[in-house]
Amino acid sequence: MIDIIDLKEYEAMAMLDLPDDEREKLGKRYDEIVGGFSALERIDTNSLEPLVTVLDMNSIMREDVSVKFLTRDAILANAPEQYDGYFQVPGTLV
């Protein structure tokens, strides 16, 4: 079972204050979860090649190519207010 001291450290990080009975239940549940992963540790994966994806395809992403669609003037034409080639917005600092 998880050490009570470790469990209290996790409680503090999560800003919880569990009663002792809840702490005990949580410790038992933690052991069940960790025990479930121990079955995975017993599987021999040495002969398997690592996968990046389970899908059988190459990258479907397109090349990242910079394309200029609009000019600055075209974009600023829709701005309610502009100043010196930039959008002008109300100040946000108080």
PDB file of N, CA and C in Angstrom:
ATOM      1  N   MET A   1       0.849  -1.191   0.000  1.00  0.00           N
ATOM      2  CA  MET A   1       0.000   0.000   0.000  1.00  0.00           C
ATOM      3  C   MET A   1       0.883   1.239   0.000  1.00  0.00           C
ATOM      4  N   ILE A   2       0.374   2.314  -0.591  1.00  0.00           N
ATOM      5  CA  ILE A   2       1.114   3.565  -0.619  1.00  0.00           C
ATOM      6  C   ILE A   2       1.335   4.041   0.807  1.00  0.00           C
ATOM      7  N   ASP A   3       2.504   4.573   1.049  1.00  0.00           N
ATOM      8  CA  ASP A   3       2.861   5.070   2.369  1.00  0.00           C
ATOM      9  C   ASP A   3       1.968   6.265   2.723  1.00  0.00           C
ATOM     10  N   ILE A   4       1.489   6.298   3.944  1.00  0.00           N
ATOM     11  CA  ILE A   4       0.596   7.370   4.396  1.00  0.00           C
ATOM     12  C   ILE A   4       1.281   8.725   4.267  1.00  0.00           C
ATOM     13  N   ILE A   5       2.588   8.783   4.505  1.00  0.00           N
ATOM     14  CA  ILE A   5       3.316  10.051   4.386  1.00  0.00           C
ATOM     15  C   ILE A   5       3.266  10.545   2.944  1.00  0.00           C
ATOM     16  N   ASP A   6       3.475   9.629   1.980  1.00  0.00           N
ATOM     17  CA  ASP A   6       3.386  10.013   0.571  1.00  0.00           C
ATOM     18  C   ASP A   6       1.986  10.492   0.233  1.00  0.00           C
ATOM     19  N   LEU A   7       0.995   9.794   0.742  1.00  0.00           N
ATOM     20  CA  LEU A   7      -0.388  10.153   0.475  1.00  0.00           C
ATOM     21  C   LEU A   7      -0.697  11.544   1.040  1.00  0.00           C
ATOM     22  N   LYS A   8      -0.182  11.867   2.199  1.00  0.00           N
ATOM     23  CA  LYS A   8      -0.401  13.189   2.785  1.00  0.00           C
ATOM     24  C   LYS A   8       0.279  14.278   1.952  1.00  0.00           C
ATOM     25  N   GLU A   9       1.430  13.943   1.351  1.00  0.00           N
ATOM     26  CA  GLU A   9       2.097  14.911   0.470  1.00  0.00           C
ATOM     27  C   GLU A   9       1.241  15.184  -0.763  1.00  0.00           C
ATOM     28  N   TYR A  10       0.644  14.123  -1.328  1.00  0.00           N
ATOM     29  CA  TYR A  10      -0.247  14.304  -2.468  1.00  0.00           C
ATOM     30  C   TYR A  10      -1.469  15.121  -2.073  1.00  0.00           C
ATOM     31  N   GLU A  11      -1.984  14.867  -0.906  1.00  0.00           N
ATOM     32  CA  GLU A  11      -3.125  15.643  -0.399  1.00  0.00           C
ATOM     33  C   GLU A  11      -2.768  17.124  -0.330  1.00  0.00           C
ATOM     34  N   ALA A  12      -1.594  17.411   0.188  1.00  0.00           N
ATOM     35  CA  ALA A  12      -1.168  18.801   0.334  1.00  0.00           C
ATOM     36  C   ALA A  12      -1.029  19.468  -1.038  1.00  0.00           C
ATOM     37  N   MET A  13      -0.471  18.739  -2.008  1.00  0.00           N
ATOM     38  CA  MET A  13      -0.323  19.307  -3.352  1.00  0.00           C
ATOM     39  C   MET A  13      -1.680  19.601  -3.974  1.00  0.00           C
ATOM     40  N   ALA A  14      -2.679  18.747  -3.701  1.00  0.00           N
ATOM     41  CA  ALA A  14      -4.018  18.932  -4.249  1.00  0.00           C
ATOM     42  C   ALA A  14      -4.882  19.813  -3.350  1.00  0.00           C
ATOM     43  N   MET A  15      -4.294  20.308  -2.277  1.00  0.00           N
ATOM     44  CA  MET A  15      -4.989  21.143  -1.295  1.00  0.00           C
ATOM     45  C   MET A  15      -6.229  20.453  -0.751  1.00  0.00           C
ATOM     46  N   LEU A  16      -6.057  19.180  -0.362  1.00  0.00           N
ATOM     47  CA  LEU A  16      -7.125  18.394   0.228  1.00  0.00           C
ATOM     48  C   LEU A  16      -6.795  18.100   1.679  1.00  0.00           C
ATOM     49  N   ASP A  17      -7.813  17.812   2.440  1.00  0.00           N
ATOM     50  CA  ASP A  17      -7.632  17.361   3.818  1.00  0.00           C
ATOM     51  C   ASP A  17      -8.612  16.224   4.031  1.00  0.00           C
ATOM     52  N   LEU A  18      -8.155  15.009   3.741  1.00  0.00           N
ATOM     53  CA  LEU A  18      -9.025  13.844   3.798  1.00  0.00           C
ATOM     54  C   LEU A  18      -9.086  13.277   5.209  1.00  0.00           C
ATOM     55  N   PRO A  19     -10.258  12.784   5.607  1.00  0.00           N
ATOM     56  CA  PRO A  19     -10.335  12.067   6.878  1.00  0.00           C
ATOM     57  C   PRO A  19      -9.586  10.737   6.757  1.00  0.00           C
ATOM     58  N   ASP A  20      -9.213  10.158   7.875  1.00  0.00           N
ATOM     59  CA  ASP A  20      -8.400   8.939   7.879  1.00  0.00           C
ATOM     60  C   ASP A  20      -9.055   7.788   7.119  1.00  0.00           C
ATOM     61  N   ASP A  21     -10.384   7.626   7.244  1.00  0.00           N
ATOM     62  CA  ASP A  21     -11.037   6.517   6.543  1.00  0.00           C
ATOM     63  C   ASP A  21     -10.979   6.706   5.021  1.00  0.00           C
ATOM     64  N   GLU A  22     -11.126   7.954   4.554  1.00  0.00           N
ATOM     65  CA  GLU A  22     -11.011   8.228   3.119  1.00  0.00           C
ATOM     66  C   GLU A  22      -9.573   8.010   2.648  1.00  0.00           C
ATOM     67  N   ARG A  23      -8.631   8.382   3.475  1.00  0.00           N
ATOM     68  CA  ARG A  23      -7.218   8.193   3.144  1.00  0.00           C
ATOM     69  C   ARG A  23      -6.904   6.703   2.975  1.00  0.00           C
ATOM     70  N   GLU A  24      -7.484   5.889   3.835  1.00  0.00           N
ATOM     71  CA  GLU A  24      -7.279   4.441   3.750  1.00  0.00           C
ATOM     72  C   GLU A  24      -7.895   3.879   2.469  1.00  0.00           C
ATOM     73  N   LYS A  25      -9.129   4.308   2.149  1.00  0.00           N
ATOM     74  CA  LYS A  25      -9.776   3.855   0.913  1.00  0.00           C
ATOM     75  C   LYS A  25      -8.960   4.266  -0.308  1.00  0.00           C
ATOM     76  N   LEU A  26      -8.476   5.493  -0.289  1.00  0.00           N
ATOM     77  CA  LEU A  26      -7.699   5.996  -1.414  1.00  0.00           C
ATOM     78  C   LEU A  26      -6.396   5.210  -1.570  1.00  0.00           C
ATOM     79  N   GLY A  27      -5.776   4.868  -0.457  1.00  0.00           N
ATOM     80  CA  GLY A  27      -4.552   4.074  -0.502  1.00  0.00           C
ATOM     81  C   GLY A  27      -4.798   2.703  -1.120  1.00  0.00           C
ATOM     82  N   LYS A  28      -5.903   2.067  -0.753  1.00  0.00           N
ATOM     83  CA  LYS A  28      -6.238   0.762  -1.327  1.00  0.00           C
ATOM     84  C   LYS A  28      -6.534   0.880  -2.821  1.00  0.00           C
ATOM     85  N   ARG A  29      -7.252   1.923  -3.197  1.00  0.00           N
ATOM     86  CA  ARG A  29      -7.577   2.132  -4.618  1.00  0.00           C
ATOM     87  C   ARG A  29      -6.305   2.382  -5.424  1.00  0.00           C
ATOM     88  N   TYR A  30      -5.392   3.139  -4.841  1.00  0.00           N
ATOM     89  CA  TYR A  30      -4.105   3.410  -5.492  1.00  0.00           C
ATOM     90  C   TYR A  30      -3.377   2.094  -5.764  1.00  0.00           C
ATOM     91  N   ASP A  31      -3.371   1.194  -4.782  1.00  0.00           N
ATOM     92  CA  ASP A  31      -2.701  -0.097  -4.948  1.00  0.00           C
ATOM     93  C   ASP A  31      -3.350  -0.915  -6.067  1.00  0.00           C
ATOM     94  N   GLU A  32      -4.678  -0.851  -6.171  1.00  0.00           N
ATOM     95  CA  GLU A  32      -5.369  -1.570  -7.243  1.00  0.00           C
ATOM     96  C   GLU A  32      -4.953  -1.030  -8.608  1.00  0.00           C
ATOM     97  N   ILE A  33      -4.868   0.276  -8.718  1.00  0.00           N
ATOM     98  CA  ILE A  33      -4.499   0.896  -9.997  1.00  0.00           C
ATOM     99  C   ILE A  33      -3.071   0.540 -10.373  1.00  0.00           C
ATOM    100  N   VAL A  34      -2.161   0.684  -9.445  1.00  0.00           N
ATOM    101  CA  VAL A  34      -0.757   0.367  -9.716  1.00  0.00           C
ATOM    102  C   VAL A  34      -0.606  -1.124 -10.008  1.00  0.00           C
ATOM    103  N   GLY A  35      -1.360  -1.965  -9.311  1.00  0.00           N
ATOM    104  CA  GLY A  35      -1.322  -3.402  -9.560  1.00  0.00           C
ATOM    105  C   GLY A  35      -1.771  -3.743 -10.974  1.00  0.00           C
ATOM    106  N   GLY A  36      -2.719  -2.989 -11.498  1.00  0.00           N
ATOM    107  CA  GLY A  36      -3.173  -3.204 -12.863  1.00  0.00           C
ATOM    108  C   GLY A  36      -2.071  -2.955 -13.881  1.00  0.00           C
ATOM    109  N   PHE A  37      -1.203  -2.002 -13.599  1.00  0.00           N
ATOM    110  CA  PHE A  37      -0.093  -1.718 -14.500  1.00  0.00           C
ATOM    111  C   PHE A  37       1.004  -2.766 -14.409  1.00  0.00           C
ATOM    112  N   SER A  38       1.070  -3.493 -13.315  1.00  0.00           N
ATOM    113  CA  SER A  38       2.114  -4.520 -13.183  1.00  0.00           C
ATOM    114  C   SER A  38       1.915  -5.629 -14.216  1.00  0.00           C
ATOM    115  N   ALA A  39       0.670  -5.861 -14.635  1.00  0.00           N
ATOM    116  CA  ALA A  39       0.416  -6.857 -15.681  1.00  0.00           C
ATOM    117  C   ALA A  39       1.069  -6.417 -16.990  1.00  0.00           C
ATOM    118  N   LEU A  40       1.077  -5.131 -17.261  1.00  0.00           N
ATOM    119  CA  LEU A  40       1.717  -4.623 -18.470  1.00  0.00           C
ATOM    120  C   LEU A  40       3.237  -4.784 -18.417  1.00  0.00           C
ATOM    121  N   GLU A  41       3.803  -4.681 -17.222  1.00  0.00           N
ATOM    122  CA  GLU A  41       5.255  -4.823 -17.083  1.00  0.00           C
ATOM    123  C   GLU A  41       5.718  -6.235 -17.419  1.00  0.00           C
ATOM    124  N   ARG A  42       4.844  -7.209 -17.280  1.00  0.00           N
ATOM    125  CA  ARG A  42       5.222  -8.599 -17.540  1.00  0.00           C
ATOM    126  C   ARG A  42       5.188  -8.961 -19.024  1.00  0.00           C
ATOM    127  N   ILE A  43       4.651  -8.103 -19.855  1.00  0.00           N
ATOM    128  CA  ILE A  43       4.568  -8.386 -21.291  1.00  0.00           C
ATOM    129  C   ILE A  43       5.935  -8.156 -21.924  1.00  0.00           C
ATOM    130  N   ASP A  44       6.411  -9.145 -22.701  1.00  0.00           N
ATOM    131  CA  ASP A  44       7.702  -9.042 -23.374  1.00  0.00           C
ATOM    132  C   ASP A  44       7.535  -8.242 -24.670  1.00  0.00           C
ATOM    133  N   THR A  45       8.119  -7.056 -24.698  1.00  0.00           N
ATOM    134  CA  THR A  45       8.017  -6.195 -25.876  1.00  0.00           C
ATOM    135  C   THR A  45       9.363  -6.004 -26.571  1.00  0.00           C
ATOM    136  N   ASN A  46      10.356  -6.800 -26.193  1.00  0.00           N
ATOM    137  CA  ASN A  46      11.695  -6.626 -26.759  1.00  0.00           C
ATOM    138  C   ASN A  46      11.737  -6.862 -28.266  1.00  0.00           C
ATOM    139  N   SER A  47      10.921  -7.750 -28.789  1.00  0.00           N
ATOM    140  CA  SER A  47      10.968  -8.058 -30.211  1.00  0.00           C
ATOM    141  C   SER A  47      10.055  -7.148 -31.044  1.00  0.00           C
ATOM    142  N   LEU A  48       9.380  -6.213 -30.413  1.00  0.00           N
ATOM    143  CA  LEU A  48       8.458  -5.329 -31.118  1.00  0.00           C
ATOM    144  C   LEU A  48       9.129  -4.011 -31.480  1.00  0.00           C
ATOM    145  N   GLU A  49       8.763  -3.501 -32.651  1.00  0.00           N
ATOM    146  CA  GLU A  49       9.296  -2.218 -33.091  1.00  0.00           C
ATOM    147  C   GLU A  49       8.382  -1.105 -32.557  1.00  0.00           C
ATOM    148  N   PRO A  50       8.964  -0.049 -32.007  1.00  0.00           N
ATOM    149  CA  PRO A  50       8.129   1.038 -31.467  1.00  0.00           C
ATOM    150  C   PRO A  50       7.301   1.700 -32.559  1.00  0.00           C
ATOM    151  N   LEU A  51       6.101   2.120 -32.202  1.00  0.00           N
ATOM    152  CA  LEU A  51       5.207   2.786 -33.136  1.00  0.00           C
ATOM    153  C   LEU A  51       5.051   4.251 -32.756  1.00  0.00           C
ATOM    154  N   VAL A  52       4.948   5.091 -33.756  1.00  0.00           N
ATOM    155  CA  VAL A  52       4.613   6.484 -33.523  1.00  0.00           C
ATOM    156  C   VAL A  52       3.104   6.643 -33.560  1.00  0.00           C
ATOM    157  N   THR A  53       2.477   5.838 -34.409  1.00  0.00           N
ATOM    158  CA  THR A  53       1.026   5.862 -34.538  1.00  0.00           C
ATOM    159  C   THR A  53       0.538   4.447 -34.854  1.00  0.00           C
ATOM    160  N   VAL A  54      -0.676   4.180 -34.522  1.00  0.00           N
ATOM    161  CA  VAL A  54      -1.233   2.867 -34.831  1.00  0.00           C
ATOM    162  C   VAL A  54      -1.825   2.825 -36.239  1.00  0.00           C
ATOM    163  N   LEU A  55      -1.912   3.976 -36.880  1.00  0.00           N
ATOM    164  CA  LEU A  55      -2.466   4.044 -38.224  1.00  0.00           C
ATOM    165  C   LEU A  55      -1.412   3.645 -39.247  1.00  0.00           C
ATOM    166  N   ASP A  56      -1.839   2.960 -40.297  1.00  0.00           N
ATOM    167  CA  ASP A  56      -0.928   2.501 -41.337  1.00  0.00           C
ATOM    168  C   ASP A  56      -0.907   3.518 -42.475  1.00  0.00           C
ATOM    169  N   MET A  57      -0.293   4.674 -42.226  1.00  0.00           N
ATOM    170  CA  MET A  57      -0.194   5.696 -43.263  1.00  0.00           C
ATOM    171  C   MET A  57       0.993   6.606 -42.977  1.00  0.00           C
ATOM    172  N   ASN A  58       1.444   7.270 -44.013  1.00  0.00           N
ATOM    173  CA  ASN A  58       2.493   8.262 -43.852  1.00  0.00           C
ATOM    174  C   ASN A  58       1.858   9.570 -43.435  1.00  0.00           C
ATOM    175  N   SER A  59       2.676  10.553 -43.220  1.00  0.00           N
ATOM    176  CA  SER A  59       2.173  11.851 -42.792  1.00  0.00           C
ATOM    177  C   SER A  59       1.190  12.415 -43.804  1.00  0.00           C
ATOM    178  N   ILE A  60       0.040  12.827 -43.322  1.00  0.00           N
ATOM    179  CA  ILE A  60      -0.961  13.418 -44.204  1.00  0.00           C
ATOM    180  C   ILE A  60      -0.892  14.937 -44.147  1.00  0.00           C
ATOM    181  N   MET A  61       0.068  15.444 -43.399  1.00  0.00           N
ATOM    182  CA  MET A  61       0.207  16.883 -43.263  1.00  0.00           C
ATOM    183  C   MET A  61       0.857  17.455 -44.509  1.00  0.00           C
ATOM    184  N   ARG A  62       0.436  18.621 -44.903  1.00  0.00           N
ATOM    185  CA  ARG A  62       1.025  19.277 -46.058  1.00  0.00           C
ATOM    186  C   ARG A  62       2.325  19.960 -45.648  1.00  0.00           C
ATOM    187  N   GLU A  63       3.106  20.334 -46.639  1.00  0.00           N
ATOM    188  CA  GLU A  63       4.322  21.092 -46.375  1.00  0.00           C
ATOM    189  C   GLU A  63       3.942  22.430 -45.754  1.00  0.00           C
ATOM    190  N   ASP A  64       4.733  22.911 -44.840  1.00  0.00           N
ATOM    191  CA  ASP A  64       4.490  24.200 -44.211  1.00  0.00           C
ATOM    192  C   ASP A  64       5.143  25.274 -45.079  1.00  0.00           C
ATOM    193  N   VAL A  65       4.351  25.862 -45.950  1.00  0.00           N
ATOM    194  CA  VAL A  65       4.851  26.852 -46.883  1.00  0.00           C
ATOM    195  C   VAL A  65       4.188  28.185 -46.581  1.00  0.00           C
ATOM    196  N   SER A  66       4.994  29.212 -46.454  1.00  0.00           N
ATOM    197  CA  SER A  66       4.468  30.535 -46.191  1.00  0.00           C
ATOM    198  C   SER A  66       3.876  31.116 -47.460  1.00  0.00           C
ATOM    199  N   VAL A  67       2.622  31.554 -47.380  1.00  0.00           N
ATOM    200  CA  VAL A  67       1.934  32.135 -48.530  1.00  0.00           C
ATOM    201  C   VAL A  67       1.298  33.434 -48.068  1.00  0.00           C
ATOM    202  N   LYS A  68       1.539  34.481 -48.803  1.00  0.00           N
ATOM    203  CA  LYS A  68       0.967  35.773 -48.443  1.00  0.00           C
ATOM    204  C   LYS A  68      -0.383  35.913 -49.131  1.00  0.00           C
ATOM    205  N   PHE A  69      -1.461  35.911 -48.368  1.00  0.00           N
ATOM    206  CA  PHE A  69      -2.800  35.965 -48.922  1.00  0.00           C
ATOM    207  C   PHE A  69      -3.301  37.399 -49.066  1.00  0.00           C
ATOM    208  N   LEU A  70      -3.153  38.179 -48.012  1.00  0.00           N
ATOM    209  CA  LEU A  70      -3.679  39.537 -48.018  1.00  0.00           C
ATOM    210  C   LEU A  70      -2.565  40.534 -47.715  1.00  0.00           C
ATOM    211  N   THR A  71      -2.729  41.709 -48.230  1.00  0.00           N
ATOM    212  CA  THR A  71      -1.764  42.762 -47.908  1.00  0.00           C
ATOM    213  C   THR A  71      -2.187  43.426 -46.608  1.00  0.00           C
ATOM    214  N   ARG A  72      -1.274  44.128 -46.014  1.00  0.00           N
ATOM    215  CA  ARG A  72      -1.565  44.845 -44.776  1.00  0.00           C
ATOM    216  C   ARG A  72      -2.698  45.849 -45.002  1.00  0.00           C
ATOM    217  N   ASP A  73      -2.652  46.541 -46.134  1.00  0.00           N
ATOM    218  CA  ASP A  73      -3.693  47.533 -46.420  1.00  0.00           C
ATOM    219  C   ASP A  73      -5.069  46.889 -46.541  1.00  0.00           C
ATOM    220  N   ALA A  74      -5.134  45.714 -47.144  1.00  0.00           N
ATOM    221  CA  ALA A  74      -6.419  45.025 -47.287  1.00  0.00           C
ATOM    222  C   ALA A  74      -6.963  44.622 -45.925  1.00  0.00           C
ATOM    223  N   ILE A  75      -6.107  44.178 -45.045  1.00  0.00           N
ATOM    224  CA  ILE A  75      -6.544  43.786 -43.700  1.00  0.00           C
ATOM    225  C   ILE A  75      -6.979  45.012 -42.908  1.00  0.00           C
ATOM    226  N   LEU A  76      -6.179  46.075 -42.956  1.00  0.00           N
ATOM    227  CA  LEU A  76      -6.506  47.279 -42.196  1.00  0.00           C
ATOM    228  C   LEU A  76      -7.731  48.009 -42.747  1.00  0.00           C
ATOM    229  N   ALA A  77      -8.119  47.707 -43.960  1.00  0.00           N
ATOM    230  CA  ALA A  77      -9.306  48.344 -44.533  1.00  0.00           C
ATOM    231  C   ALA A  77     -10.557  47.984 -43.738  1.00  0.00           C
ATOM    232  N   ASN A  78     -10.548  46.855 -43.038  1.00  0.00           N
ATOM    233  CA  ASN A  78     -11.699  46.430 -42.238  1.00  0.00           C
ATOM    234  C   ASN A  78     -11.619  46.901 -40.787  1.00  0.00           C
ATOM    235  N   ALA A  79     -10.519  47.526 -40.410  1.00  0.00           N
ATOM    236  CA  ALA A  79     -10.342  47.963 -39.030  1.00  0.00           C
ATOM    237  C   ALA A  79     -11.156  49.222 -38.768  1.00  0.00           C
ATOM    238  N   PRO A  80     -11.877  49.267 -37.635  1.00  0.00           N
ATOM    239  CA  PRO A  80     -12.627  50.483 -37.320  1.00  0.00           C
ATOM    240  C   PRO A  80     -11.691  51.675 -37.109  1.00  0.00           C
ATOM    241  N   GLU A  81     -10.524  51.403 -36.499  1.00  0.00           N
ATOM    242  CA  GLU A  81      -9.535  52.462 -36.294  1.00  0.00           C
ATOM    243  C   GLU A  81      -8.153  51.872 -36.518  1.00  0.00           C
ATOM    244  N   GLN A  82      -7.266  52.683 -37.082  1.00  0.00           N
ATOM    245  CA  GLN A  82      -5.896  52.246 -37.294  1.00  0.00           C
ATOM    246  C   GLN A  82      -4.966  53.428 -37.086  1.00  0.00           C
ATOM    247  N   TYR A  83      -3.718  53.109 -36.779  1.00  0.00           N
ATOM    248  CA  TYR A  83      -2.732  54.157 -36.583  1.00  0.00           C
ATOM    249  C   TYR A  83      -1.379  53.632 -37.040  1.00  0.00           C
ATOM    250  N   ASP A  84      -0.753  54.312 -37.938  1.00  0.00           N
ATOM    251  CA  ASP A  84       0.600  54.014 -38.394  1.00  0.00           C
ATOM    252  C   ASP A  84       0.743  52.569 -38.888  1.00  0.00           C
ATOM    253  N   GLY A  85      -0.287  52.062 -39.567  1.00  0.00           N
ATOM    254  CA  GLY A  85      -0.215  50.722 -40.144  1.00  0.00           C
ATOM    255  C   GLY A  85      -0.582  49.603 -39.185  1.00  0.00           C
ATOM    256  N   TYR A  86      -1.153  49.927 -38.023  1.00  0.00           N
ATOM    257  CA  TYR A  86      -1.545  48.925 -37.032  1.00  0.00           C
ATOM    258  C   TYR A  86      -2.980  49.136 -36.614  1.00  0.00           C
ATOM    259  N   PHE A  87      -3.617  48.080 -36.080  1.00  0.00           N
ATOM    260  CA  PHE A  87      -4.941  48.243 -35.496  1.00  0.00           C
ATOM    261  C   PHE A  87      -4.823  49.126 -34.270  1.00  0.00           C
ATOM    262  N   GLN A  88      -5.762  50.027 -34.102  1.00  0.00           N
ATOM    263  CA  GLN A  88      -5.790  50.846 -32.902  1.00  0.00           C
ATOM    264  C   GLN A  88      -6.951  50.359 -32.050  1.00  0.00           C
ATOM    265  N   VAL A  89      -6.645  50.017 -30.794  1.00  0.00           N
ATOM    266  CA  VAL A  89      -7.655  49.506 -29.886  1.00  0.00           C
ATOM    267  C   VAL A  89      -7.631  50.333 -28.612  1.00  0.00           C
ATOM    268  N   PRO A  90      -8.718  50.287 -27.849  1.00  0.00           N
ATOM    269  CA  PRO A  90      -8.721  51.026 -26.583  1.00  0.00           C
ATOM    270  C   PRO A  90      -7.654  50.482 -25.636  1.00  0.00           C
ATOM    271  N   GLY A  91      -7.118  51.348 -24.801  1.00  0.00           N
ATOM    272  CA  GLY A  91      -6.126  50.921 -23.819  1.00  0.00           C
ATOM    273  C   GLY A  91      -6.714  49.936 -22.838  1.00  0.00           C
ATOM    274  N   THR A  92      -5.912  48.983 -22.391  1.00  0.00           N
ATOM    275  CA  THR A  92      -6.393  47.979 -21.439  1.00  0.00           C
ATOM    276  C   THR A  92      -5.745  48.105 -20.078  1.00  0.00           C
ATOM    277  N   LEU A  93      -4.729  48.922 -19.958  1.00  0.00           N
ATOM    278  CA  LEU A  93      -4.081  49.110 -18.659  1.00  0.00           C
ATOM    279  C   LEU A  93      -4.777  50.198 -17.888  1.00  0.00           C
ATOM    280  N   VAL A  94      -4.881  50.006 -16.588  1.00  0.00           N
ATOM    281  CA  VAL A  94      -5.551  50.989 -15.733  1.00  0.00           C
ATOM    282  C   VAL A  94      -4.525  51.799 -15.023  1.00  0.00           C
TER     283      VAL A  94
END
